[in-house]
Amino acid sequence: MNNRRAPENRFPVLAVLELLTAVGLVLFWLGFFTIGLAPENPPPGYFVYEHSFPLPDLALAVVLAVSSLLLLKGRPGGRPLALLASGALFFLGLVDISFNLQNGVYLLSTLDLILNAFINLWCLGLGLALYLAFRRPNAG
């Protein structure tokens, strides 16, 4: 029986997706605060809601980026950080879906529907994929 640990970089595609997501989070907030990435007619409370997310989103971006780099280098610290990011992504996706459904954000325009649904499903999908890939100590 072989007791060697599986290499930490067994899922390089997920590591790259983590890094792309981290960059996407940073670019979203740069765009939000510079060119105004917001619906043309946002629902009441939209900006209060959105302004509560830069700090947690940027913390998530750091966790995703560090996890990604550690995984790509085959370092063991990438796996627990990927699991941390998994939970954060899943929570973020569900909170956004809840807000968007309750406040009609998906109905504002076709662009809002496509953009928000994509972001929400991306968070849920990547969060689930990271969990499934890294949930066991020998999973990579």
Protein backbone atom coordinates (compact mmCIF):
# COMPACT_ATOMS: atom_id res chain seq x y z
CA MET A 1 0.00 0.00 0.00
CA ASN A 2 1.37 3.40 -0.98
CA ASN A 3 1.04 6.05 1.79
CA ARG A 4 2.48 8.92 -0.23
CA ARG A 5 0.38 12.05 -0.23
CA ALA A 6 -1.23 13.12 -3.45
CA PRO A 7 0.53 16.14 -4.94
CA GLU A 8 -1.05 19.46 -3.97
CA ASN A 9 -1.19 20.59 -7.60
CA ARG A 10 -3.45 17.72 -8.73
CA PHE A 11 -6.08 20.23 -9.87
CA PRO A 12 -4.18 22.91 -11.80
CA VAL A 13 -7.32 24.03 -13.68
CA LEU A 14 -9.05 24.86 -10.38
CA ALA A 15 -5.97 26.75 -9.23
CA VAL A 16 -6.06 28.83 -12.42
CA LEU A 17 -9.81 29.44 -11.99
CA GLU A 18 -9.13 30.60 -8.43
CA LEU A 19 -6.58 33.10 -9.71
CA LEU A 20 -8.89 34.33 -12.48
CA THR A 21 -11.70 34.76 -9.94
CA ALA A 22 -9.41 36.74 -7.63
CA VAL A 23 -8.48 39.04 -10.50
CA GLY A 24 -12.15 39.31 -11.50
CA LEU A 25 -13.15 40.37 -7.98
CA VAL A 26 -10.52 43.10 -7.92
CA LEU A 27 -11.44 44.30 -11.41
CA PHE A 28 -15.14 44.35 -10.51
CA TRP A 29 -14.56 46.66 -7.55
CA LEU A 30 -12.19 48.88 -9.54
CA GLY A 31 -14.90 49.18 -12.18
CA PHE A 32 -17.67 49.67 -9.63
CA PHE A 33 -15.92 52.62 -7.99
CA THR A 34 -14.44 54.17 -11.14
CA ILE A 35 -16.77 53.66 -14.10
CA GLY A 36 -19.91 52.89 -12.11
CA LEU A 37 -20.74 49.24 -12.70
CA ALA A 38 -24.29 49.39 -11.38
CA PRO A 39 -27.76 48.99 -12.84
CA GLU A 40 -29.17 52.09 -14.52
CA ASN A 41 -32.14 52.10 -12.12
CA PRO A 42 -31.03 50.15 -9.06
CA PRO A 43 -33.57 49.04 -6.46
CA PRO A 44 -33.70 50.83 -3.09
CA GLY A 45 -30.87 49.72 -0.85
CA TYR A 46 -28.72 48.53 -3.75
CA PHE A 47 -25.75 50.77 -2.96
CA VAL A 48 -25.95 50.14 0.79
CA TYR A 49 -25.90 46.41 0.05
CA GLU A 50 -23.05 46.62 -2.48
CA HIS A 51 -20.92 48.88 -0.28
CA SER A 52 -20.84 46.17 2.37
CA PHE A 53 -18.90 43.82 0.07
CA PRO A 54 -15.56 45.38 -0.98
CA LEU A 55 -13.69 44.30 2.16
CA PRO A 56 -14.94 40.68 2.25
CA ASP A 57 -14.59 40.36 -1.53
CA LEU A 58 -11.02 41.65 -1.47
CA ALA A 59 -10.19 39.32 1.44
CA LEU A 60 -11.65 36.47 -0.63
CA ALA A 61 -9.54 37.59 -3.60
CA VAL A 62 -6.40 37.37 -1.45
CA VAL A 63 -7.35 33.88 -0.20
CA LEU A 64 -8.09 32.73 -3.76
CA ALA A 65 -4.83 34.15 -5.12
CA VAL A 66 -2.65 32.72 -2.34
CA SER A 67 -4.39 29.33 -2.56
CA SER A 68 -3.93 29.31 -6.32
CA LEU A 69 -0.24 30.14 -6.17
CA LEU A 70 0.42 27.57 -3.43
CA LEU A 71 -1.47 24.89 -5.36
CA LEU A 72 0.37 25.68 -8.59
CA LYS A 73 3.69 25.41 -6.72
CA GLY A 74 2.61 22.11 -5.14
CA ARG A 75 2.65 23.51 -1.61
CA PRO A 76 0.35 21.99 1.04
CA GLY A 77 -1.15 25.29 2.26
CA GLY A 78 -3.15 25.70 -0.93
CA ARG A 79 -5.69 23.01 -0.07
CA PRO A 80 -7.01 24.45 3.22
CA LEU A 81 -7.14 27.92 1.66
CA ALA A 82 -9.10 26.48 -1.28
CA LEU A 83 -11.60 25.06 1.21
CA LEU A 84 -11.86 28.43 2.95
CA ALA A 85 -12.47 30.08 -0.42
CA SER A 86 -15.02 27.38 -1.27
CA GLY A 87 -17.24 28.31 1.67
CA ALA A 88 -16.83 32.03 1.05
CA LEU A 89 -17.72 31.68 -2.63
CA PHE A 90 -20.77 29.57 -1.89
CA PHE A 91 -21.99 32.00 0.75
CA LEU A 92 -21.36 34.99 -1.54
CA GLY A 93 -23.28 33.35 -4.38
CA LEU A 94 -26.27 32.54 -2.16
CA VAL A 95 -26.39 36.00 -0.56
CA ASP A 96 -26.28 37.65 -3.97
CA ILE A 97 -28.99 35.36 -5.35
CA SER A 98 -31.17 36.10 -2.33
CA PHE A 99 -30.74 39.87 -2.69
CA ASN A 100 -31.22 39.80 -6.46
CA LEU A 101 -34.41 37.74 -6.25
CA GLN A 102 -35.92 39.80 -3.42
CA ASN A 103 -35.13 43.10 -5.14
CA GLY A 104 -35.82 42.26 -8.77
CA VAL A 105 -32.24 42.81 -9.91
CA TYR A 106 -32.48 39.95 -12.41
CA LEU A 107 -35.49 41.69 -13.99
CA LEU A 108 -33.88 45.12 -14.47
CA SER A 109 -32.50 44.31 -17.92
CA THR A 110 -31.24 41.42 -19.99
CA LEU A 111 -27.67 42.56 -19.31
CA ASP A 112 -28.28 42.62 -15.55
CA LEU A 113 -29.84 39.16 -15.72
CA ILE A 114 -26.95 37.67 -17.71
CA LEU A 115 -24.18 39.38 -15.75
CA ASN A 116 -25.60 38.78 -12.28
CA ALA A 117 -26.72 35.21 -13.00
CA PHE A 118 -23.28 34.39 -14.43
CA ILE A 119 -21.48 35.84 -11.40
CA ASN A 120 -23.82 34.12 -8.94
CA LEU A 121 -23.58 30.74 -10.68
CA TRP A 122 -19.80 31.11 -11.04
CA CYS A 123 -19.47 31.62 -7.28
CA LEU A 124 -21.68 28.61 -6.51
CA GLY A 125 -20.02 26.41 -9.12
CA LEU A 126 -16.43 27.24 -8.25
CA GLY A 127 -17.20 27.02 -4.54
CA LEU A 128 -18.70 23.56 -5.00
CA ALA A 129 -15.86 22.43 -7.29
CA LEU A 130 -13.22 23.55 -4.78
CA TYR A 131 -15.03 21.75 -1.98
CA LEU A 132 -15.38 18.51 -3.93
CA ALA A 133 -11.75 18.60 -5.08
CA PHE A 134 -10.13 19.43 -1.75
CA ARG A 135 -12.48 18.09 0.96
CA ARG A 136 -10.30 15.10 1.90
CA PRO A 137 -6.72 15.40 3.16
CA ASN A 138 -5.48 13.16 0.34
CA ALA A 139 -7.58 14.86 -2.35
CA GLY A 140 -4.78 17.03 -3.58
